[in-house]
Amino acid sequence: MCSVGDAFGVDVADELNAKEYICKDCENKFKGIGKTVICPACRSSNVELA
């Protein structure tokens, strides 16, 4: 399937079983996956499961 233009309604984080994290440096809450999770707001790796 090819999509050109508008995005389609798939939330990748939900499909990949992302976990909820909180950044200990900036207190940003976000979903992440993988072994090394980095805060998208401040780029810190000082995060923990929320």
PDB file of N, CA and C in Angstrom:
ATOM      1  N   MET A   1       0.838  -1.183   0.000  1.00  0.00           N
ATOM      2  CA  MET A   1       0.000   0.000   0.000  1.00  0.00           C
ATOM      3  C   MET A   1       0.876   1.237   0.000  1.00  0.00           C
ATOM      4  N   CYS A   2       0.542   2.182  -0.797  1.00  0.00           N
ATOM      5  CA  CYS A   2       1.296   3.422  -0.907  1.00  0.00           C
ATOM      6  C   CYS A   2       0.411   4.587  -0.473  1.00  0.00           C
ATOM      7  N   SER A   3       0.981   5.528   0.242  1.00  0.00           N
ATOM      8  CA  SER A   3       0.237   6.694   0.695  1.00  0.00           C
ATOM      9  C   SER A   3       0.970   7.945   0.243  1.00  0.00           C
ATOM     10  N   VAL A   4       0.287   8.797  -0.463  1.00  0.00           N
ATOM     11  CA  VAL A   4       0.863  10.050  -0.926  1.00  0.00           C
ATOM     12  C   VAL A   4      -0.002  11.181  -0.385  1.00  0.00           C
ATOM     13  N   GLY A   5       0.637  12.170   0.218  1.00  0.00           N
ATOM     14  CA  GLY A   5      -0.126  13.301   0.738  1.00  0.00           C
ATOM     15  C   GLY A   5      -0.462  13.128   2.196  1.00  0.00           C
ATOM     16  N   ASP A   6      -1.733  12.938   2.505  1.00  0.00           N
ATOM     17  CA  ASP A   6      -2.188  12.852   3.885  1.00  0.00           C
ATOM     18  C   ASP A   6      -1.692  11.574   4.562  1.00  0.00           C
ATOM     19  N   ALA A   7      -1.447  11.691   5.866  1.00  0.00           N
ATOM     20  CA  ALA A   7      -1.083  10.519   6.663  1.00  0.00           C
ATOM     21  C   ALA A   7      -2.336   9.695   6.920  1.00  0.00           C
ATOM     22  N   PHE A   8      -2.142   8.415   7.132  1.00  0.00           N
ATOM     23  CA  PHE A   8      -3.284   7.569   7.426  1.00  0.00           C
ATOM     24  C   PHE A   8      -3.309   7.252   8.909  1.00  0.00           C
ATOM     25  N   GLY A   9      -4.432   6.790   9.419  1.00  0.00           N
ATOM     26  CA  GLY A   9      -4.677   6.654  10.854  1.00  0.00           C
ATOM     27  C   GLY A   9      -4.048   5.458  11.528  1.00  0.00           C
ATOM     28  N   VAL A  10      -2.738   5.378  11.566  1.00  0.00           N
ATOM     29  CA  VAL A  10      -2.057   4.306  12.274  1.00  0.00           C
ATOM     30  C   VAL A  10      -1.132   4.937  13.302  1.00  0.00           C
ATOM     31  N   ASP A  11      -1.322   4.574  14.572  1.00  0.00           N
ATOM     32  CA  ASP A  11      -0.445   5.063  15.633  1.00  0.00           C
ATOM     33  C   ASP A  11       0.651   4.022  15.828  1.00  0.00           C
ATOM     34  N   VAL A  12       1.833   4.313  15.338  1.00  0.00           N
ATOM     35  CA  VAL A  12       2.936   3.358  15.354  1.00  0.00           C
ATOM     36  C   VAL A  12       3.304   2.981  16.784  1.00  0.00           C
ATOM     37  N   ALA A  13       3.287   3.937  17.704  1.00  0.00           N
ATOM     38  CA  ALA A  13       3.646   3.640  19.092  1.00  0.00           C
ATOM     39  C   ALA A  13       2.705   2.595  19.687  1.00  0.00           C
ATOM     40  N   ASP A  14       1.421   2.689  19.407  1.00  0.00           N
ATOM     41  CA  ASP A  14       0.475   1.699  19.922  1.00  0.00           C
ATOM     42  C   ASP A  14       0.690   0.341  19.272  1.00  0.00           C
ATOM     43  N   GLU A  15       0.970   0.309  17.993  1.00  0.00           N
ATOM     44  CA  GLU A  15       1.165  -0.945  17.279  1.00  0.00           C
ATOM     45  C   GLU A  15       2.416  -1.689  17.753  1.00  0.00           C
ATOM     46  N   LEU A  16       3.430  -0.987  18.226  1.00  0.00           N
ATOM     47  CA  LEU A  16       4.684  -1.608  18.631  1.00  0.00           C
ATOM     48  C   LEU A  16       4.784  -1.802  20.139  1.00  0.00           C
ATOM     49  N   ASN A  17       3.666  -1.682  20.852  1.00  0.00           N
ATOM     50  CA  ASN A  17       3.640  -1.863  22.304  1.00  0.00           C
ATOM     51  C   ASN A  17       4.613  -0.936  23.025  1.00  0.00           C
ATOM     52  N   ALA A  18       4.569   0.329  22.700  1.00  0.00           N
ATOM     53  CA  ALA A  18       5.430   1.318  23.335  1.00  0.00           C
ATOM     54  C   ALA A  18       5.062   1.454  24.804  1.00  0.00           C
ATOM     55  N   LYS A  19       6.053   1.783  25.610  1.00  0.00           N
ATOM     56  CA  LYS A  19       5.848   1.976  27.040  1.00  0.00           C
ATOM     57  C   LYS A  19       5.888   3.469  27.353  1.00  0.00           C
ATOM     58  N   GLU A  20       5.219   3.837  28.428  1.00  0.00           N
ATOM     59  CA  GLU A  20       5.162   5.230  28.863  1.00  0.00           C
ATOM     60  C   GLU A  20       6.405   5.534  29.708  1.00  0.00           C
ATOM     61  N   TYR A  21       7.107   6.604  29.354  1.00  0.00           N
ATOM     62  CA  TYR A  21       8.314   7.018  30.064  1.00  0.00           C
ATOM     63  C   TYR A  21       8.165   8.447  30.559  1.00  0.00           C
ATOM     64  N   ILE A  22       8.993   8.796  31.549  1.00  0.00           N
ATOM     65  CA  ILE A  22       9.090  10.176  32.003  1.00  0.00           C
ATOM     66  C   ILE A  22      10.570  10.536  32.087  1.00  0.00           C
ATOM     67  N   CYS A  23      10.894  11.720  31.617  1.00  0.00           N
ATOM     68  CA  CYS A  23      12.273  12.194  31.647  1.00  0.00           C
ATOM     69  C   CYS A  23      12.566  12.773  33.029  1.00  0.00           C
ATOM     70  N   LYS A  24      13.655  12.329  33.649  1.00  0.00           N
ATOM     71  CA  LYS A  24      14.034  12.830  34.976  1.00  0.00           C
ATOM     72  C   LYS A  24      14.632  14.230  34.902  1.00  0.00           C
ATOM     73  N   ASP A  25      15.042  14.666  33.721  1.00  0.00           N
ATOM     74  CA  ASP A  25      15.652  15.988  33.580  1.00  0.00           C
ATOM     75  C   ASP A  25      14.631  17.083  33.306  1.00  0.00           C
ATOM     76  N   CYS A  26      13.704  16.844  32.371  1.00  0.00           N
ATOM     77  CA  CYS A  26      12.742  17.890  31.999  1.00  0.00           C
ATOM     78  C   CYS A  26      11.296  17.541  32.340  1.00  0.00           C
ATOM     79  N   GLU A  27      11.066  16.337  32.911  1.00  0.00           N
ATOM     80  CA  GLU A  27       9.749  15.860  33.330  1.00  0.00           C
ATOM     81  C   GLU A  27       8.757  15.669  32.183  1.00  0.00           C
ATOM     82  N   ASN A  28       9.255  15.535  30.953  1.00  0.00           N
ATOM     83  CA  ASN A  28       8.416  15.263  29.794  1.00  0.00           C
ATOM     84  C   ASN A  28       7.920  13.827  29.860  1.00  0.00           C
ATOM     85  N   LYS A  29       6.625  13.613  29.590  1.00  0.00           N
ATOM     86  CA  LYS A  29       6.059  12.261  29.517  1.00  0.00           C
ATOM     87  C   LYS A  29       5.879  11.908  28.050  1.00  0.00           C
ATOM     88  N   PHE A  30       6.308  10.696  27.674  1.00  0.00           N
ATOM     89  CA  PHE A  30       6.246  10.286  26.271  1.00  0.00           C
ATOM     90  C   PHE A  30       6.231   8.776  26.175  1.00  0.00           C
ATOM     91  N   LYS A  31       5.912   8.260  24.999  1.00  0.00           N
ATOM     92  CA  LYS A  31       5.956   6.828  24.731  1.00  0.00           C
ATOM     93  C   LYS A  31       7.249   6.521  24.000  1.00  0.00           C
ATOM     94  N   GLY A  32       7.841   5.374  24.340  1.00  0.00           N
ATOM     95  CA  GLY A  32       9.088   4.997  23.701  1.00  0.00           C
ATOM     96  C   GLY A  32       9.204   3.492  23.573  1.00  0.00           C
ATOM     97  N   ILE A  33      10.088   3.065  22.681  1.00  0.00           N
ATOM     98  CA  ILE A  33      10.367   1.649  22.474  1.00  0.00           C
ATOM     99  C   ILE A  33      11.869   1.466  22.349  1.00  0.00           C
ATOM    100  N   GLY A  34      12.329   0.258  22.583  1.00  0.00           N
ATOM    101  CA  GLY A  34      13.736  -0.051  22.388  1.00  0.00           C
ATOM    102  C   GLY A  34      14.512  -0.117  23.683  1.00  0.00           C
ATOM    103  N   LYS A  35      15.791  -0.424  23.572  1.00  0.00           N
ATOM    104  CA  LYS A  35      16.660  -0.564  24.738  1.00  0.00           C
ATOM    105  C   LYS A  35      17.173   0.776  25.236  1.00  0.00           C
ATOM    106  N   THR A  36      17.471   1.692  24.337  1.00  0.00           N
ATOM    107  CA  THR A  36      17.977   3.004  24.716  1.00  0.00           C
ATOM    108  C   THR A  36      16.923   4.045  24.341  1.00  0.00           C
ATOM    109  N   VAL A  37      16.164   4.475  25.328  1.00  0.00           N
ATOM    110  CA  VAL A  37      15.097   5.440  25.099  1.00  0.00           C
ATOM    111  C   VAL A  37      15.623   6.836  25.411  1.00  0.00           C
ATOM    112  N   ILE A  38      15.374   7.773  24.505  1.00  0.00           N
ATOM    113  CA  ILE A  38      15.838   9.154  24.651  1.00  0.00           C
ATOM    114  C   ILE A  38      14.638  10.081  24.625  1.00  0.00           C
ATOM    115  N   CYS A  39      14.626  11.047  25.533  1.00  0.00           N
ATOM    116  CA  CYS A  39      13.546  12.023  25.603  1.00  0.00           C
ATOM    117  C   CYS A  39      13.501  12.843  24.315  1.00  0.00           C
ATOM    118  N   PRO A  40      12.334  12.919  23.673  1.00  0.00           N
ATOM    119  CA  PRO A  40      12.247  13.699  22.434  1.00  0.00           C
ATOM    120  C   PRO A  40      12.306  15.212  22.675  1.00  0.00           C
ATOM    121  N   ALA A  41      12.043  15.665  23.902  1.00  0.00           N
ATOM    122  CA  ALA A  41      12.045  17.101  24.190  1.00  0.00           C
ATOM    123  C   ALA A  41      13.450  17.644  24.437  1.00  0.00           C
ATOM    124  N   CYS A  42      14.241  16.943  25.278  1.00  0.00           N
ATOM    125  CA  CYS A  42      15.553  17.487  25.648  1.00  0.00           C
ATOM    126  C   CYS A  42      16.716  16.590  25.246  1.00  0.00           C
ATOM    127  N   ARG A  43      16.420  15.445  24.637  1.00  0.00           N
ATOM    128  CA  ARG A  43      17.423  14.498  24.131  1.00  0.00           C
ATOM    129  C   ARG A  43      18.215  13.813  25.246  1.00  0.00           C
ATOM    130  N   SER A  44      17.694  13.809  26.470  1.00  0.00           N
ATOM    131  CA  SER A  44      18.356  13.153  27.597  1.00  0.00           C
ATOM    132  C   SER A  44      18.030  11.653  27.583  1.00  0.00           C
ATOM    133  N   SER A  45      18.959  10.847  28.046  1.00  0.00           N
ATOM    134  CA  SER A  45      18.713   9.421  28.205  1.00  0.00           C
ATOM    135  C   SER A  45      18.406   9.087  29.669  1.00  0.00           C
ATOM    136  N   ASN A  46      18.237  10.095  30.496  1.00  0.00           N
ATOM    137  CA  ASN A  46      17.933   9.938  31.923  1.00  0.00           C
ATOM    138  C   ASN A  46      16.414   9.812  32.072  1.00  0.00           C
ATOM    139  N   VAL A  47      15.863   8.654  31.664  1.00  0.00           N
ATOM    140  CA  VAL A  47      14.419   8.426  31.659  1.00  0.00           C
ATOM    141  C   VAL A  47      14.087   7.188  32.475  1.00  0.00           C
ATOM    142  N   GLU A  48      12.807   7.097  32.920  1.00  0.00           N
ATOM    143  CA  GLU A  48      12.340   5.928  33.643  1.00  0.00           C
ATOM    144  C   GLU A  48      10.911   5.625  33.216  1.00  0.00           C
ATOM    145  N   LEU A  49      10.486   4.376  33.459  1.00  0.00           N
ATOM    146  CA  LEU A  49       9.111   3.998  33.161  1.00  0.00           C
ATOM    147  C   LEU A  49       8.171   4.799  34.052  1.00  0.00           C
ATOM    148  N   ALA A  50       7.100   5.290  33.458  1.00  0.00           N
ATOM    149  CA  ALA A  50       6.131   6.093  34.221  1.00  0.00           C
ATOM    150  C   ALA A  50       5.120   5.219  34.904  1.00  0.00           C
TER     151      ALA A  50
END
